[in-house]
PDB file of all heavy atoms in Angstrom:
ATOM      1  N   ILE A   1     199.639 185.876 186.014  1.00  0.00           N
ATOM      2  CA  ILE A   1     200.462 186.691 186.817  1.00  0.00           C
ATOM      3  C   ILE A   1     200.987 187.849 186.016  1.00  0.00           C
ATOM      4  O   ILE A   1     201.114 189.064 186.528  1.00  0.00           O
ATOM      5  CB  ILE A   1     201.637 185.864 187.385  1.00  0.00           C
ATOM      6  CG1 ILE A   1     201.093 184.897 188.369  1.00  0.00           C
ATOM      7  CG2 ILE A   1     202.723 186.765 187.926  1.00  0.00           C
ATOM      8  CD1 ILE A   1     202.183 184.015 188.977  1.00  0.00           C
ATOM      9  N   ALA A   2     201.310 187.692 184.680  1.00  0.00           N
ATOM     10  CA  ALA A   2     201.807 188.819 183.868  1.00  0.00           C
ATOM     11  C   ALA A   2     200.738 189.875 183.781  1.00  0.00           C
ATOM     12  O   ALA A   2     201.044 191.054 183.755  1.00  0.00           O
ATOM     13  CB  ALA A   2     202.238 188.238 182.528  1.00  0.00           C
ATOM     14  N   ARG A   3     199.475 189.441 183.515  1.00  0.00           N
ATOM     15  CA  ARG A   3     198.378 190.451 183.469  1.00  0.00           C
ATOM     16  C   ARG A   3     198.157 191.132 184.777  1.00  0.00           C
ATOM     17  O   ARG A   3     197.898 192.441 184.770  1.00  0.00           O
ATOM     18  CB  ARG A   3     197.000 189.625 183.062  1.00  0.00           C
ATOM     19  CG  ARG A   3     197.035 189.128 181.709  1.00  0.00           C
ATOM     20  CD  ARG A   3     195.737 188.400 181.400  1.00  0.00           C
ATOM     21  NE  ARG A   3     194.587 189.254 181.642  1.00  0.00           N
ATOM     22  CZ  ARG A   3     193.322 188.670 181.646  1.00  0.00           C
ATOM     23  NH1 ARG A   3     193.094 187.395 181.473  1.00  0.00           N
ATOM     24  NH2 ARG A   3     192.301 189.520 181.821  1.00  0.00           N
ATOM     25  N   ILE A   4     198.326 190.481 185.923  1.00  0.00           N
ATOM     26  CA  ILE A   4     198.217 191.186 187.212  1.00  0.00           C
ATOM     27  C   ILE A   4     199.372 192.157 187.288  1.00  0.00           C
ATOM     28  O   ILE A   4     199.127 193.285 187.815  1.00  0.00           O
ATOM     29  CB  ILE A   4     198.262 190.149 188.316  1.00  0.00           C
ATOM     30  CG1 ILE A   4     196.960 189.260 188.343  1.00  0.00           C
ATOM     31  CG2 ILE A   4     198.409 190.718 189.645  1.00  0.00           C
ATOM     32  CD1 ILE A   4     196.898 188.082 189.223  1.00  0.00           C
ATOM     33  N   ASP A   5     200.503 191.808 187.005  1.00  0.00           N
ATOM     34  CA  ASP A   5     201.668 192.713 187.057  1.00  0.00           C
ATOM     35  C   ASP A   5     201.475 194.050 186.238  1.00  0.00           C
ATOM     36  O   ASP A   5     201.735 195.107 186.678  1.00  0.00           O
ATOM     37  CB  ASP A   5     203.054 192.026 186.652  1.00  0.00           C
ATOM     38  CG  ASP A   5     203.439 190.998 187.750  1.00  0.00           C
ATOM     39  OD1 ASP A   5     202.977 191.012 188.869  1.00  0.00           O
ATOM     40  OD2 ASP A   5     204.230 190.075 187.441  1.00  0.00           O
ATOM     41  N   ALA A   6     200.957 193.772 185.022  1.00  0.00           N
ATOM     42  CA  ALA A   6     200.648 194.952 184.149  1.00  0.00           C
ATOM     43  C   ALA A   6     199.584 195.786 184.786  1.00  0.00           C
ATOM     44  O   ALA A   6     199.699 197.060 184.630  1.00  0.00           O
ATOM     45  CB  ALA A   6     200.299 194.390 182.701  1.00  0.00           C
ATOM     46  N   TRP A   7     198.603 195.150 185.382  1.00  0.00           N
ATOM     47  CA  TRP A   7     197.503 195.974 186.020  1.00  0.00           C
ATOM     48  C   TRP A   7     198.011 196.803 187.125  1.00  0.00           C
ATOM     49  O   TRP A   7     197.699 198.031 187.359  1.00  0.00           O
ATOM     50  CB  TRP A   7     196.398 195.083 186.371  1.00  0.00           C
ATOM     51  CG  TRP A   7     195.197 195.731 187.028  1.00  0.00           C
ATOM     52  CD1 TRP A   7     194.141 196.308 186.426  1.00  0.00           C
ATOM     53  CD2 TRP A   7     194.968 195.962 188.433  1.00  0.00           C
ATOM     54  NE1 TRP A   7     193.285 196.880 187.348  1.00  0.00           N
ATOM     55  CE2 TRP A   7     193.780 196.711 188.483  1.00  0.00           C
ATOM     56  CE3 TRP A   7     195.683 195.759 189.596  1.00  0.00           C
ATOM     57  CZ2 TRP A   7     193.213 197.094 189.779  1.00  0.00           C
ATOM     58  CZ3 TRP A   7     195.217 196.105 190.823  1.00  0.00           C
ATOM     59  CH2 TRP A   7     193.988 196.831 190.891  1.00  0.00           C
ATOM     60  N   ASP A   8     198.998 196.053 188.028  1.00  0.00           N
ATOM     61  CA  ASP A   8     199.557 196.866 189.148  1.00  0.00           C
ATOM     62  C   ASP A   8     200.337 198.082 188.664  1.00  0.00           C
ATOM     63  O   ASP A   8     200.311 199.050 189.199  1.00  0.00           O
ATOM     64  CB  ASP A   8     200.431 195.882 189.829  1.00  0.00           C
ATOM     65  CG  ASP A   8     199.693 194.978 190.898  1.00  0.00           C
ATOM     66  OD1 ASP A   8     198.525 195.227 191.122  1.00  0.00           O
ATOM     67  OD2 ASP A   8     200.227 193.998 191.240  1.00  0.00           O
ATOM     68  N   ASP A   9     201.156 197.831 187.552  1.00  0.00           N
ATOM     69  CA  ASP A   9     201.983 198.959 187.027  1.00  0.00           C
ATOM     70  C   ASP A   9     201.080 200.021 186.559  1.00  0.00           C
ATOM     71  O   ASP A   9     201.450 201.312 186.696  1.00  0.00           O
ATOM     72  CB  ASP A   9     202.784 198.415 185.813  1.00  0.00           C
ATOM     73  CG  ASP A   9     203.951 197.492 186.349  1.00  0.00           C
ATOM     74  OD1 ASP A   9     204.187 197.431 187.479  1.00  0.00           O
ATOM     75  OD2 ASP A   9     204.404 196.693 185.472  1.00  0.00           O
ATOM     76  N   ALA A  10     199.885 199.722 185.919  1.00  0.00           N
ATOM     77  CA  ALA A  10     199.072 200.762 185.383  1.00  0.00           C
ATOM     78  C   ALA A  10     198.472 201.529 186.550  1.00  0.00           C
ATOM     79  O   ALA A  10     198.228 202.758 186.462  1.00  0.00           O
ATOM     80  CB  ALA A  10     197.973 200.128 184.517  1.00  0.00           C
ATOM     81  N   GLN A  11     198.101 200.905 187.679  1.00  0.00           N
ATOM     82  CA  GLN A  11     197.516 201.466 188.828  1.00  0.00           C
ATOM     83  C   GLN A  11     198.533 202.453 189.432  1.00  0.00           C
ATOM     84  O   GLN A  11     198.066 203.584 189.863  1.00  0.00           O
ATOM     85  CB  GLN A  11     196.970 200.545 189.815  1.00  0.00           C
ATOM     86  CG  GLN A  11     195.868 199.567 189.321  1.00  0.00           C
ATOM     87  CD  GLN A  11     194.625 200.346 188.968  1.00  0.00           C
ATOM     88  OE1 GLN A  11     194.176 201.147 189.792  1.00  0.00           O
ATOM     89  NE2 GLN A  11     194.105 200.127 187.816  1.00  0.00           N
ATOM     90  N   THR A  12     199.745 201.975 189.649  1.00  0.00           N
ATOM     91  CA  THR A  12     200.764 202.842 190.182  1.00  0.00           C
ATOM     92  C   THR A  12     201.047 204.057 189.296  1.00  0.00           C
ATOM     93  O   THR A  12     201.230 205.163 189.874  1.00  0.00           O
ATOM     94  CB  THR A  12     202.089 202.083 190.407  1.00  0.00           C
ATOM     95  OG1 THR A  12     201.794 200.823 191.267  1.00  0.00           O
ATOM     96  CG2 THR A  12     203.073 202.831 191.130  1.00  0.00           C
ATOM     97  N   ALA A  13     201.055 203.957 188.016  1.00  0.00           N
ATOM     98  CA  ALA A  13     201.348 205.038 187.111  1.00  0.00           C
ATOM     99  C   ALA A  13     200.248 206.098 187.270  1.00  0.00           C
ATOM    100  O   ALA A  13     200.533 207.310 187.146  1.00  0.00           O
ATOM    101  CB  ALA A  13     201.447 204.502 185.708  1.00  0.00           C
ATOM    102  N   GLU A  14     199.017 205.616 187.450  1.00  0.00           N
ATOM    103  CA  GLU A  14     197.877 206.555 187.495  1.00  0.00           C
ATOM    104  C   GLU A  14     197.727 207.154 188.937  1.00  0.00           C
ATOM    105  O   GLU A  14     197.381 208.341 189.083  1.00  0.00           O
ATOM    106  CB  GLU A  14     196.621 205.817 187.146  1.00  0.00           C
ATOM    107  CG  GLU A  14     195.336 206.667 187.212  1.00  0.00           C
ATOM    108  CD  GLU A  14     194.076 205.983 186.747  1.00  0.00           C
ATOM    109  OE1 GLU A  14     194.262 204.886 186.091  1.00  0.00           O
ATOM    110  OE2 GLU A  14     192.997 206.439 186.993  1.00  0.00           O
ATOM    111  N   GLY A  15     197.873 206.274 189.982  1.00  0.00           N
ATOM    112  CA  GLY A  15     197.545 206.812 191.329  1.00  0.00           C
ATOM    113  C   GLY A  15     198.663 207.022 192.278  1.00  0.00           C
ATOM    114  O   GLY A  15     198.438 207.365 193.459  1.00  0.00           O
ATOM    115  N   GLY A  16     199.867 206.588 191.936  1.00  0.00           N
ATOM    116  CA  GLY A  16     201.066 206.739 192.761  1.00  0.00           C
ATOM    117  C   GLY A  16     201.093 205.752 193.902  1.00  0.00           C
ATOM    118  O   GLY A  16     200.491 204.607 193.830  1.00  0.00           O
ATOM    119  N   ARG A  17     201.671 206.163 194.971  1.00  0.00           N
ATOM    120  CA  ARG A  17     201.872 205.210 196.052  1.00  0.00           C
ATOM    121  C   ARG A  17     200.593 204.664 196.729  1.00  0.00           C
ATOM    122  O   ARG A  17     200.554 203.615 197.306  1.00  0.00           O
ATOM    123  CB  ARG A  17     202.771 205.889 197.197  1.00  0.00           C
ATOM    124  CG  ARG A  17     204.117 206.228 196.730  1.00  0.00           C
ATOM    125  CD  ARG A  17     204.945 206.991 197.886  1.00  0.00           C
ATOM    126  NE  ARG A  17     204.984 206.080 199.086  1.00  0.00           N
ATOM    127  CZ  ARG A  17     205.455 206.528 200.210  1.00  0.00           C
ATOM    128  NH1 ARG A  17     205.873 207.770 200.354  1.00  0.00           N
ATOM    129  NH2 ARG A  17     205.476 205.693 201.304  1.00  0.00           N
ATOM    130  N   ASP A  18     199.525 205.469 196.716  1.00  0.00           N
ATOM    131  CA  ASP A  18     198.366 205.012 197.329  1.00  0.00           C
ATOM    132  C   ASP A  18     197.425 204.257 196.380  1.00  0.00           C
ATOM    133  O   ASP A  18     196.358 203.904 196.683  1.00  0.00           O
ATOM    134  CB  ASP A  18     197.527 206.301 197.798  1.00  0.00           C
ATOM    135  CG  ASP A  18     198.177 206.882 199.065  1.00  0.00           C
ATOM    136  OD1 ASP A  18     198.753 206.138 199.822  1.00  0.00           O
ATOM    137  OD2 ASP A  18     198.057 208.138 199.116  1.00  0.00           O
ATOM    138  N   ALA A  19     197.880 203.923 195.158  1.00  0.00           N
ATOM    139  CA  ALA A  19     197.054 203.144 194.291  1.00  0.00           C
ATOM    140  C   ALA A  19     196.934 201.655 194.729  1.00  0.00           C
ATOM    141  O   ALA A  19     197.763 201.138 195.495  1.00  0.00           O
ATOM    142  CB  ALA A  19     197.757 203.076 192.863  1.00  0.00           C
ATOM    143  N   PRO A  20     195.699 201.130 194.501  1.00  0.00           N
ATOM    144  CA  PRO A  20     195.537 199.618 194.973  1.00  0.00           C
ATOM    145  C   PRO A  20     196.359 198.704 194.197  1.00  0.00           C
ATOM    146  O   PRO A  20     196.841 198.978 193.020  1.00  0.00           O
ATOM    147  CB  PRO A  20     194.011 199.425 194.651  1.00  0.00           C
ATOM    148  CG  PRO A  20     193.719 200.386 193.543  1.00  0.00           C
ATOM    149  CD  PRO A  20     194.544 201.628 193.819  1.00  0.00           C
ATOM    150  N   SER A  21     196.728 197.623 194.801  1.00  0.00           N
ATOM    151  CA  SER A  21     197.534 196.509 194.210  1.00  0.00           C
ATOM    152  C   SER A  21     196.784 195.219 194.357  1.00  0.00           C
ATOM    153  O   SER A  21     196.035 195.106 195.273  1.00  0.00           O
ATOM    154  CB  SER A  21     199.010 196.455 194.752  1.00  0.00           C
ATOM    155  OG  SER A  21     198.846 196.005 196.066  1.00  0.00           O
ATOM    156  N   TYR A  22     197.056 194.274 193.437  1.00  0.00           N
ATOM    157  CA  TYR A  22     196.396 193.026 193.602  1.00  0.00           C
ATOM    158  C   TYR A  22     196.726 192.313 194.898  1.00  0.00           C
ATOM    159  O   TYR A  22     195.852 191.892 195.611  1.00  0.00           O
ATOM    160  CB  TYR A  22     196.903 192.010 192.471  1.00  0.00           C
ATOM    161  CG  TYR A  22     196.390 190.655 192.610  1.00  0.00           C
ATOM    162  CD1 TYR A  22     195.075 190.304 192.252  1.00  0.00           C
ATOM    163  CD2 TYR A  22     197.250 189.653 193.163  1.00  0.00           C
ATOM    164  CE1 TYR A  22     194.633 189.055 192.404  1.00  0.00           C
ATOM    165  CE2 TYR A  22     196.809 188.397 193.334  1.00  0.00           C
ATOM    166  CZ  TYR A  22     195.504 188.071 192.921  1.00  0.00           C
ATOM    167  OH  TYR A  22     195.089 186.741 193.084  1.00  0.00           O
ATOM    168  N   GLN A  23     198.026 192.307 195.295  1.00  0.00           N
ATOM    169  CA  GLN A  23     198.384 191.607 196.531  1.00  0.00           C
ATOM    170  C   GLN A  23     197.776 192.313 197.744  1.00  0.00           C
ATOM    171  O   GLN A  23     197.337 191.611 198.673  1.00  0.00           O
ATOM    172  CB  GLN A  23     199.878 191.597 196.702  1.00  0.00           C
ATOM    173  CG  GLN A  23     200.645 190.975 195.427  1.00  0.00           C
ATOM    174  CD  GLN A  23     200.682 189.379 195.330  1.00  0.00           C
ATOM    175  OE1 GLN A  23     199.553 188.807 195.625  1.00  0.00           O
ATOM    176  NE2 GLN A  23     201.765 188.845 195.019  1.00  0.00           N
ATOM    177  N   GLY A  24     197.944 193.607 197.853  1.00  0.00           N
ATOM    178  CA  GLY A  24     197.467 194.328 199.051  1.00  0.00           C
ATOM    179  C   GLY A  24     196.002 194.572 199.112  1.00  0.00           C
ATOM    180  O   GLY A  24     195.482 194.511 200.244  1.00  0.00           O
ATOM    181  N   ALA A  25     195.390 194.843 198.039  1.00  0.00           N
ATOM    182  CA  ALA A  25     194.014 195.321 198.068  1.00  0.00           C
ATOM    183  C   ALA A  25     192.972 194.374 197.623  1.00  0.00           C
ATOM    184  O   ALA A  25     191.777 194.522 197.883  1.00  0.00           O
ATOM    185  CB  ALA A  25     193.902 196.626 197.176  1.00  0.00           C
ATOM    186  N   LEU A  26     193.359 193.253 196.876  1.00  0.00           N
ATOM    187  CA  LEU A  26     192.404 192.394 196.261  1.00  0.00           C
ATOM    188  C   LEU A  26     192.463 190.936 196.634  1.00  0.00           C
ATOM    189  O   LEU A  26     191.487 190.285 196.589  1.00  0.00           O
ATOM    190  CB  LEU A  26     192.462 192.513 194.717  1.00  0.00           C
ATOM    191  CG  LEU A  26     192.196 193.936 194.187  1.00  0.00           C
ATOM    192  CD1 LEU A  26     192.443 193.886 192.685  1.00  0.00           C
ATOM    193  CD2 LEU A  26     190.801 194.383 194.428  1.00  0.00           C
ATOM    194  N   SER A  27     193.705 190.488 196.837  1.00  0.00           N
ATOM    195  CA  SER A  27     193.831 188.974 196.920  1.00  0.00           C
ATOM    196  C   SER A  27     193.600 188.438 198.367  1.00  0.00           C
ATOM    197  O   SER A  27     192.728 187.629 198.589  1.00  0.00           O
ATOM    198  CB  SER A  27     195.177 188.543 196.429  1.00  0.00           C
ATOM    199  OG  SER A  27     196.200 188.926 197.288  1.00  0.00           O
ATOM    200  N   ILE A  28     194.364 188.907 199.331  1.00  0.00           N
ATOM    201  CA  ILE A  28     194.358 188.276 200.647  1.00  0.00           C
ATOM    202  C   ILE A  28     194.265 189.335 201.748  1.00  0.00           C
ATOM    203  O   ILE A  28     195.125 190.195 201.806  1.00  0.00           O
ATOM    204  CB  ILE A  28     195.636 187.397 200.906  1.00  0.00           C
ATOM    205  CG1 ILE A  28     195.714 186.327 199.832  1.00  0.00           C
ATOM    206  CG2 ILE A  28     195.563 186.807 202.297  1.00  0.00           C
ATOM    207  CD1 ILE A  28     197.057 185.599 199.840  1.00  0.00           C
ATOM    208  N   PRO A  29     193.215 189.319 202.598  1.00  0.00           N
ATOM    209  CA  PRO A  29     193.075 190.445 203.685  1.00  0.00           C
ATOM    210  C   PRO A  29     194.132 190.180 204.711  1.00  0.00           C
ATOM    211  O   PRO A  29     194.668 189.100 204.901  1.00  0.00           O
ATOM    212  CB  PRO A  29     191.640 190.120 204.171  1.00  0.00           C
ATOM    213  CG  PRO A  29     191.398 188.751 203.983  1.00  0.00           C
ATOM    214  CD  PRO A  29     192.096 188.336 202.612  1.00  0.00           C
ATOM    215  N   PRO A  30     194.542 191.289 205.335  1.00  0.00           N
ATOM    216  CA  PRO A  30     195.512 191.155 206.473  1.00  0.00           C
ATOM    217  C   PRO A  30     194.824 190.659 207.710  1.00  0.00           C
ATOM    218  O   PRO A  30     193.583 190.592 207.792  1.00  0.00           O
ATOM    219  CB  PRO A  30     196.028 192.573 206.630  1.00  0.00           C
ATOM    220  CG  PRO A  30     194.783 193.404 206.258  1.00  0.00           C
ATOM    221  CD  PRO A  30     194.133 192.650 205.120  1.00  0.00           C
ATOM    222  N   GLY A  31     195.587 190.380 208.815  1.00  0.00           N
ATOM    223  CA  GLY A  31     195.080 190.069 210.063  1.00  0.00           C
ATOM    224  C   GLY A  31     194.707 188.538 210.221  1.00  0.00           C
ATOM    225  O   GLY A  31     195.228 187.726 209.557  1.00  0.00           O
ATOM    226  N   TRP A  32     193.730 188.349 211.166  1.00  0.00           N
ATOM    227  CA  TRP A  32     193.339 186.937 211.426  1.00  0.00           C
ATOM    228  C   TRP A  32     192.200 186.540 210.601  1.00  0.00           C
ATOM    229  O   TRP A  32     191.224 187.202 210.323  1.00  0.00           O
ATOM    230  CB  TRP A  32     192.847 186.983 212.959  1.00  0.00           C
ATOM    231  CG  TRP A  32     193.935 187.256 213.968  1.00  0.00           C
ATOM    232  CD1 TRP A  32     194.652 188.310 214.108  1.00  0.00           C
ATOM    233  CD2 TRP A  32     194.386 186.369 214.960  1.00  0.00           C
ATOM    234  NE1 TRP A  32     195.492 188.279 215.103  1.00  0.00           N
ATOM    235  CE2 TRP A  32     195.412 186.975 215.636  1.00  0.00           C
ATOM    236  CE3 TRP A  32     194.024 185.011 215.308  1.00  0.00           C
ATOM    237  CZ2 TRP A  32     196.046 186.422 216.721  1.00  0.00           C
ATOM    238  CZ3 TRP A  32     194.771 184.445 216.306  1.00  0.00           C
ATOM    239  CH2 TRP A  32     195.729 185.123 217.050  1.00  0.00           C
ATOM    240  N   ARG A  33     192.322 185.375 210.064  1.00  0.00           N
ATOM    241  CA  ARG A  33     191.313 184.763 209.200  1.00  0.00           C
ATOM    242  C   ARG A  33     191.396 183.224 209.194  1.00  0.00           C
ATOM    243  O   ARG A  33     192.443 182.637 209.495  1.00  0.00           O
ATOM    244  CB  ARG A  33     191.535 185.296 207.780  1.00  0.00           C
ATOM    245  CG  ARG A  33     192.971 185.030 207.135  1.00  0.00           C
ATOM    246  CD  ARG A  33     193.214 185.853 205.964  1.00  0.00           C
ATOM    247  NE  ARG A  33     194.612 185.599 205.397  1.00  0.00           N
ATOM    248  CZ  ARG A  33     195.712 186.177 205.801  1.00  0.00           C
ATOM    249  NH1 ARG A  33     195.643 187.163 206.706  1.00  0.00           N
ATOM    250  NH2 ARG A  33     196.863 185.850 205.277  1.00  0.00           N
ATOM    251  N   VAL A  34     190.311 182.675 208.814  1.00  0.00           N
ATOM    252  CA  VAL A  34     190.126 181.192 208.782  1.00  0.00           C
ATOM    253  C   VAL A  34     190.081 180.796 207.379  1.00  0.00           C
ATOM    254  O   VAL A  34     189.225 181.390 206.553  1.00  0.00           O
ATOM    255  CB  VAL A  34     188.961 180.668 209.589  1.00  0.00           C
ATOM    256  CG1 VAL A  34     188.725 179.178 209.456  1.00  0.00           C
ATOM    257  CG2 VAL A  34     189.066 181.086 211.065  1.00  0.00           C
ATOM    258  N   GLY A  35     190.830 179.726 206.929  1.00  0.00           N
ATOM    259  CA  GLY A  35     190.775 179.374 205.487  1.00  0.00           C
ATOM    260  C   GLY A  35     191.357 180.308 204.515  1.00  0.00           C
ATOM    261  O   GLY A  35     192.213 181.125 204.837  1.00  0.00           O
ATOM    262  N   GLY A  36     191.026 180.278 203.260  1.00  0.00           N
ATOM    263  CA  GLY A  36     191.555 181.114 202.274  1.00  0.00           C
ATOM    264  C   GLY A  36     192.899 180.689 201.734  1.00  0.00           C
ATOM    265  O   GLY A  36     193.245 179.467 201.793  1.00  0.00           O
ATOM    266  N   PHE A  37     193.677 181.634 201.491  1.00  0.00           N
ATOM    267  CA  PHE A  37     195.042 181.412 200.900  1.00  0.00           C
ATOM    268  C   PHE A  37     196.156 182.082 201.818  1.00  0.00           C
ATOM    269  O   PHE A  37     195.877 183.140 202.395  1.00  0.00           O
ATOM    270  CB  PHE A  37     195.169 182.040 199.493  1.00  0.00           C
ATOM    271  CG  PHE A  37     194.172 181.441 198.594  1.00  0.00           C
ATOM    272  CD1 PHE A  37     192.952 182.129 198.237  1.00  0.00           C
ATOM    273  CD2 PHE A  37     194.306 180.194 197.854  1.00  0.00           C
ATOM    274  CE1 PHE A  37     192.079 181.612 197.394  1.00  0.00           C
ATOM    275  CE2 PHE A  37     193.456 179.692 197.016  1.00  0.00           C
ATOM    276  CZ  PHE A  37     192.286 180.407 196.783  1.00  0.00           C
ATOM    277  N   PRO A  38     197.309 181.484 201.936  1.00  0.00           N
ATOM    278  CA  PRO A  38     198.378 182.060 202.635  1.00  0.00           C
ATOM    279  C   PRO A  38     198.963 183.240 201.979  1.00  0.00           C
ATOM    280  O   PRO A  38     199.073 183.328 200.689  1.00  0.00           O
ATOM    281  CB  PRO A  38     199.372 181.023 202.859  1.00  0.00           C
ATOM    282  CG  PRO A  38     199.150 180.074 201.679  1.00  0.00           C
ATOM    283  CD  PRO A  38     197.693 180.163 201.346  1.00  0.00           C
ATOM    284  N   SER A  39     199.467 184.263 202.704  1.00  0.00           N
ATOM    285  CA  SER A  39     200.200 185.343 202.147  1.00  0.00           C
ATOM    286  C   SER A  39     201.742 185.031 202.292  1.00  0.00           C
ATOM    287  O   SER A  39     202.191 184.599 203.289  1.00  0.00           O
ATOM    288  CB  SER A  39     199.980 186.523 203.007  1.00  0.00           C
ATOM    289  OG  SER A  39     200.910 187.613 202.648  1.00  0.00           O
TER     290      SER A  39
END
């Protein structure tokens, strides 16, 4: 989790508000889905 937080901070510093984040862009898709992990 510490490594993920550091990566998120680096992405924000480089790309600003539109930068990808682990939670929003990589871990769990939005909307309707079967299985996987809860948000």
